[in-house]
């Protein structure tokens, strides 16, 4: 009996951990119209973005009739990408892929990385016109 409950507890903990570590955020409630997506990149302590590197971001959706993404996308400013979207009522998932360059301060080792994540949008008459997404980047050597 104890073995059975132990397995259930371990399975529950695994599912909880899996849901915490997913790259897809909970759905953002967004109002239709012009919406500003602000993506802030965060590296762990001891790492920093290379200021003059050619950082970029790609943003795609399978629902272009619901979310219109501008071309070209803006460049990184500090640690932030600001993207103005045109949204219409519905549900959409935005796939983000960044191309970033950063260094570890102590070792002076530098990396180029292409992290990916997804953001879910529920768009309607209620909600915000601003989406603030904090993207925690895991350095390659920490994977």
C-alpha atoms as a PDB file:
ATOM      1  CA  UNK A   1       0.000   0.000   0.000  1.00  0.00           C
ATOM      2  CA  UNK A   2       2.830   2.424   0.899  1.00  0.00           C
ATOM      3  CA  UNK A   3       4.538   1.555  -2.388  1.00  0.00           C
ATOM      4  CA  UNK A   4       1.368   2.461  -4.331  1.00  0.00           C
ATOM      5  CA  UNK A   5       1.002   5.852  -2.621  1.00  0.00           C
ATOM      6  CA  UNK A   6       4.729   6.528  -3.053  1.00  0.00           C
ATOM      7  CA  UNK A   7       4.381   5.995  -6.819  1.00  0.00           C
ATOM      8  CA  UNK A   8       1.369   8.308  -6.954  1.00  0.00           C
ATOM      9  CA  UNK A   9       3.219  11.016  -5.031  1.00  0.00           C
ATOM     10  CA  UNK A  10       6.313  10.692  -7.217  1.00  0.00           C
ATOM     11  CA  UNK A  11       4.179  10.796 -10.381  1.00  0.00           C
ATOM     12  CA  UNK A  12       2.377  13.894  -9.131  1.00  0.00           C
ATOM     13  CA  UNK A  13       5.654  15.638  -8.316  1.00  0.00           C
ATOM     14  CA  UNK A  14       7.022  14.791 -11.761  1.00  0.00           C
ATOM     15  CA  UNK A  15       3.927  16.223 -13.473  1.00  0.00           C
ATOM     16  CA  UNK A  16       4.136  19.361 -11.323  1.00  0.00           C
ATOM     17  CA  UNK A  17       7.831  19.814 -12.169  1.00  0.00           C
ATOM     18  CA  UNK A  18       7.104  19.242 -15.866  1.00  0.00           C
ATOM     19  CA  UNK A  19       4.371  21.886 -15.871  1.00  0.00           C
ATOM     20  CA  UNK A  20       6.666  24.393 -14.135  1.00  0.00           C
ATOM     21  CA  UNK A  21       9.509  23.913 -16.630  1.00  0.00           C
ATOM     22  CA  UNK A  22       7.436  24.171 -19.830  1.00  0.00           C
ATOM     23  CA  UNK A  23       8.476  26.922 -22.205  1.00  0.00           C
ATOM     24  CA  UNK A  24       4.898  27.924 -22.975  1.00  0.00           C
ATOM     25  CA  UNK A  25       3.556  30.592 -20.670  1.00  0.00           C
ATOM     26  CA  UNK A  26      -0.021  30.721 -19.464  1.00  0.00           C
ATOM     27  CA  UNK A  27      -2.379  32.495 -21.817  1.00  0.00           C
ATOM     28  CA  UNK A  28      -2.225  36.278 -21.923  1.00  0.00           C
ATOM     29  CA  UNK A  29      -5.638  37.976 -22.005  1.00  0.00           C
ATOM     30  CA  UNK A  30      -5.278  40.604 -24.738  1.00  0.00           C
ATOM     31  CA  UNK A  31      -7.728  43.120 -26.167  1.00  0.00           C
ATOM     32  CA  UNK A  32      -8.201  43.343 -29.901  1.00  0.00           C
ATOM     33  CA  UNK A  33      -6.472  46.127 -31.792  1.00  0.00           C
ATOM     34  CA  UNK A  34      -2.913  47.393 -31.416  1.00  0.00           C
ATOM     35  CA  UNK A  35      -0.993  45.363 -28.845  1.00  0.00           C
ATOM     36  CA  UNK A  36       2.594  45.861 -27.698  1.00  0.00           C
ATOM     37  CA  UNK A  37       4.550  42.691 -26.977  1.00  0.00           C
ATOM     38  CA  UNK A  38       7.559  43.476 -24.796  1.00  0.00           C
ATOM     39  CA  UNK A  39       9.997  40.555 -24.541  1.00  0.00           C
ATOM     40  CA  UNK A  40      12.634  41.001 -21.832  1.00  0.00           C
ATOM     41  CA  UNK A  41      15.609  38.646 -21.901  1.00  0.00           C
ATOM     42  CA  UNK A  42      17.106  37.580 -18.581  1.00  0.00           C
ATOM     43  CA  UNK A  43      20.370  35.705 -18.166  1.00  0.00           C
ATOM     44  CA  UNK A  44      21.518  34.196 -14.854  1.00  0.00           C
ATOM     45  CA  UNK A  45      23.885  36.088 -12.580  1.00  0.00           C
ATOM     46  CA  UNK A  46      27.387  36.092 -14.030  1.00  0.00           C
ATOM     47  CA  UNK A  47      26.263  36.383 -17.670  1.00  0.00           C
ATOM     48  CA  UNK A  48      25.673  39.416 -19.860  1.00  0.00           C
ATOM     49  CA  UNK A  49      24.449  40.144 -23.361  1.00  0.00           C
ATOM     50  CA  UNK A  50      27.091  41.490 -25.757  1.00  0.00           C
ATOM     51  CA  UNK A  51      25.852  45.054 -26.414  1.00  0.00           C
ATOM     52  CA  UNK A  52      27.005  45.509 -30.039  1.00  0.00           C
ATOM     53  CA  UNK A  53      26.159  41.976 -31.229  1.00  0.00           C
ATOM     54  CA  UNK A  54      23.531  41.512 -33.965  1.00  0.00           C
ATOM     55  CA  UNK A  55      20.756  40.167 -31.700  1.00  0.00           C
ATOM     56  CA  UNK A  56      17.471  39.427 -33.445  1.00  0.00           C
ATOM     57  CA  UNK A  57      14.092  37.867 -32.834  1.00  0.00           C
ATOM     58  CA  UNK A  58      11.706  35.945 -35.091  1.00  0.00           C
ATOM     59  CA  UNK A  59       8.006  35.769 -34.335  1.00  0.00           C
ATOM     60  CA  UNK A  60       5.534  33.478 -36.101  1.00  0.00           C
ATOM     61  CA  UNK A  61       1.971  32.312 -35.681  1.00  0.00           C
ATOM     62  CA  UNK A  62      -0.195  29.729 -37.375  1.00  0.00           C
ATOM     63  CA  UNK A  63      -3.057  32.256 -37.098  1.00  0.00           C
ATOM     64  CA  UNK A  64      -2.032  35.316 -39.183  1.00  0.00           C
ATOM     65  CA  UNK A  65      -5.713  36.270 -39.509  1.00  0.00           C
ATOM     66  CA  UNK A  66      -5.808  36.708 -35.682  1.00  0.00           C
ATOM     67  CA  UNK A  67      -2.334  38.146 -35.027  1.00  0.00           C
ATOM     68  CA  UNK A  68      -0.587  40.345 -37.583  1.00  0.00           C
ATOM     69  CA  UNK A  69       3.180  40.488 -37.005  1.00  0.00           C
ATOM     70  CA  UNK A  70       5.131  43.456 -38.427  1.00  0.00           C
ATOM     71  CA  UNK A  71       8.001  43.038 -40.858  1.00  0.00           C
ATOM     72  CA  UNK A  72      10.812  43.699 -40.134  1.00  0.00           C
ATOM     73  CA  UNK A  73      10.890  43.040 -36.417  1.00  0.00           C
ATOM     74  CA  UNK A  74      12.651  45.562 -34.164  1.00  0.00           C
ATOM     75  CA  UNK A  75      16.204  45.155 -32.915  1.00  0.00           C
ATOM     76  CA  UNK A  76      17.161  44.480 -29.308  1.00  0.00           C
ATOM     77  CA  UNK A  77      17.300  47.574 -27.097  1.00  0.00           C
ATOM     78  CA  UNK A  78      19.170  46.824 -23.865  1.00  0.00           C
ATOM     79  CA  UNK A  79      17.658  43.453 -23.010  1.00  0.00           C
ATOM     80  CA  UNK A  80      14.253  44.146 -24.603  1.00  0.00           C
ATOM     81  CA  UNK A  81      12.458  43.540 -27.889  1.00  0.00           C
ATOM     82  CA  UNK A  82       9.282  45.636 -28.400  1.00  0.00           C
ATOM     83  CA  UNK A  83       6.934  44.350 -31.089  1.00  0.00           C
ATOM     84  CA  UNK A  84       3.659  46.050 -32.087  1.00  0.00           C
ATOM     85  CA  UNK A  85       1.046  43.472 -33.072  1.00  0.00           C
ATOM     86  CA  UNK A  86      -2.384  43.937 -34.626  1.00  0.00           C
ATOM     87  CA  UNK A  87      -4.788  41.513 -32.967  1.00  0.00           C
ATOM     88  CA  UNK A  88      -8.285  40.282 -33.761  1.00  0.00           C
ATOM     89  CA  UNK A  89     -10.609  38.178 -31.557  1.00  0.00           C
ATOM     90  CA  UNK A  90      -9.571  34.556 -31.176  1.00  0.00           C
ATOM     91  CA  UNK A  91      -6.854  32.300 -29.811  1.00  0.00           C
ATOM     92  CA  UNK A  92      -3.282  32.256 -31.132  1.00  0.00           C
ATOM     93  CA  UNK A  93       0.119  30.915 -30.202  1.00  0.00           C
ATOM     94  CA  UNK A  94       3.180  33.009 -30.973  1.00  0.00           C
ATOM     95  CA  UNK A  95       6.416  31.104 -31.564  1.00  0.00           C
ATOM     96  CA  UNK A  96       9.457  33.194 -30.649  1.00  0.00           C
ATOM     97  CA  UNK A  97      13.013  32.379 -31.663  1.00  0.00           C
ATOM     98  CA  UNK A  98      15.817  34.713 -30.646  1.00  0.00           C
ATOM     99  CA  UNK A  99      19.358  34.890 -31.945  1.00  0.00           C
ATOM    100  CA  UNK A 100      21.408  36.207 -29.023  1.00  0.00           C
ATOM    101  CA  UNK A 101      25.057  36.618 -28.057  1.00  0.00           C
ATOM    102  CA  UNK A 102      26.241  36.610 -24.459  1.00  0.00           C
ATOM    103  CA  UNK A 103      29.342  36.050 -22.333  1.00  0.00           C
ATOM    104  CA  UNK A 104      30.110  34.538 -18.979  1.00  0.00           C
ATOM    105  CA  UNK A 105      31.778  37.331 -17.024  1.00  0.00           C
ATOM    106  CA  UNK A 106      34.244  35.241 -14.994  1.00  0.00           C
ATOM    107  CA  UNK A 107      35.584  32.984 -17.775  1.00  0.00           C
ATOM    108  CA  UNK A 108      35.101  35.509 -20.615  1.00  0.00           C
ATOM    109  CA  UNK A 109      33.634  32.647 -22.690  1.00  0.00           C
ATOM    110  CA  UNK A 110      31.057  33.881 -25.175  1.00  0.00           C
ATOM    111  CA  UNK A 111      28.168  32.067 -26.804  1.00  0.00           C
ATOM    112  CA  UNK A 112      25.682  32.444 -29.614  1.00  0.00           C
ATOM    113  CA  UNK A 113      22.327  30.890 -28.794  1.00  0.00           C
ATOM    114  CA  UNK A 114      18.961  30.486 -30.523  1.00  0.00           C
ATOM    115  CA  UNK A 115      16.454  29.895 -27.722  1.00  0.00           C
ATOM    116  CA  UNK A 116      12.817  29.244 -28.579  1.00  0.00           C
ATOM    117  CA  UNK A 117       9.591  29.688 -26.636  1.00  0.00           C
ATOM    118  CA  UNK A 118       5.854  30.052 -27.161  1.00  0.00           C
ATOM    119  CA  UNK A 119       3.322  32.578 -25.913  1.00  0.00           C
ATOM    120  CA  UNK A 120      -0.410  31.877 -25.918  1.00  0.00           C
ATOM    121  CA  UNK A 121      -2.812  34.759 -26.566  1.00  0.00           C
ATOM    122  CA  UNK A 122      -6.553  34.864 -25.867  1.00  0.00           C
ATOM    123  CA  UNK A 123      -7.824  37.936 -27.689  1.00  0.00           C
ATOM    124  CA  UNK A 124     -11.168  39.602 -27.140  1.00  0.00           C
ATOM    125  CA  UNK A 125     -12.853  42.849 -26.078  1.00  0.00           C
ATOM    126  CA  UNK A 126     -11.420  42.549 -22.541  1.00  0.00           C
ATOM    127  CA  UNK A 127      -7.753  42.404 -21.611  1.00  0.00           C
ATOM    128  CA  UNK A 128      -4.614  44.438 -21.861  1.00  0.00           C
ATOM    129  CA  UNK A 129      -3.029  46.145 -24.846  1.00  0.00           C
ATOM    130  CA  UNK A 130       0.401  45.379 -23.366  1.00  0.00           C
ATOM    131  CA  UNK A 131       2.032  41.969 -23.053  1.00  0.00           C
ATOM    132  CA  UNK A 132       5.137  41.804 -20.867  1.00  0.00           C
ATOM    133  CA  UNK A 133       6.969  38.506 -21.310  1.00  0.00           C
ATOM    134  CA  UNK A 134       9.997  37.726 -19.122  1.00  0.00           C
ATOM    135  CA  UNK A 135      12.153  35.203 -20.964  1.00  0.00           C
ATOM    136  CA  UNK A 136      14.684  33.453 -18.740  1.00  0.00           C
ATOM    137  CA  UNK A 137      17.565  32.225 -20.895  1.00  0.00           C
ATOM    138  CA  UNK A 138      19.506  29.153 -19.744  1.00  0.00           C
ATOM    139  CA  UNK A 139      23.144  29.358 -20.896  1.00  0.00           C
ATOM    140  CA  UNK A 140      24.324  26.428 -23.010  1.00  0.00           C
ATOM    141  CA  UNK A 141      26.884  25.240 -20.494  1.00  0.00           C
ATOM    142  CA  UNK A 142      24.137  24.959 -17.838  1.00  0.00           C
ATOM    143  CA  UNK A 143      21.928  22.614 -19.907  1.00  0.00           C
END
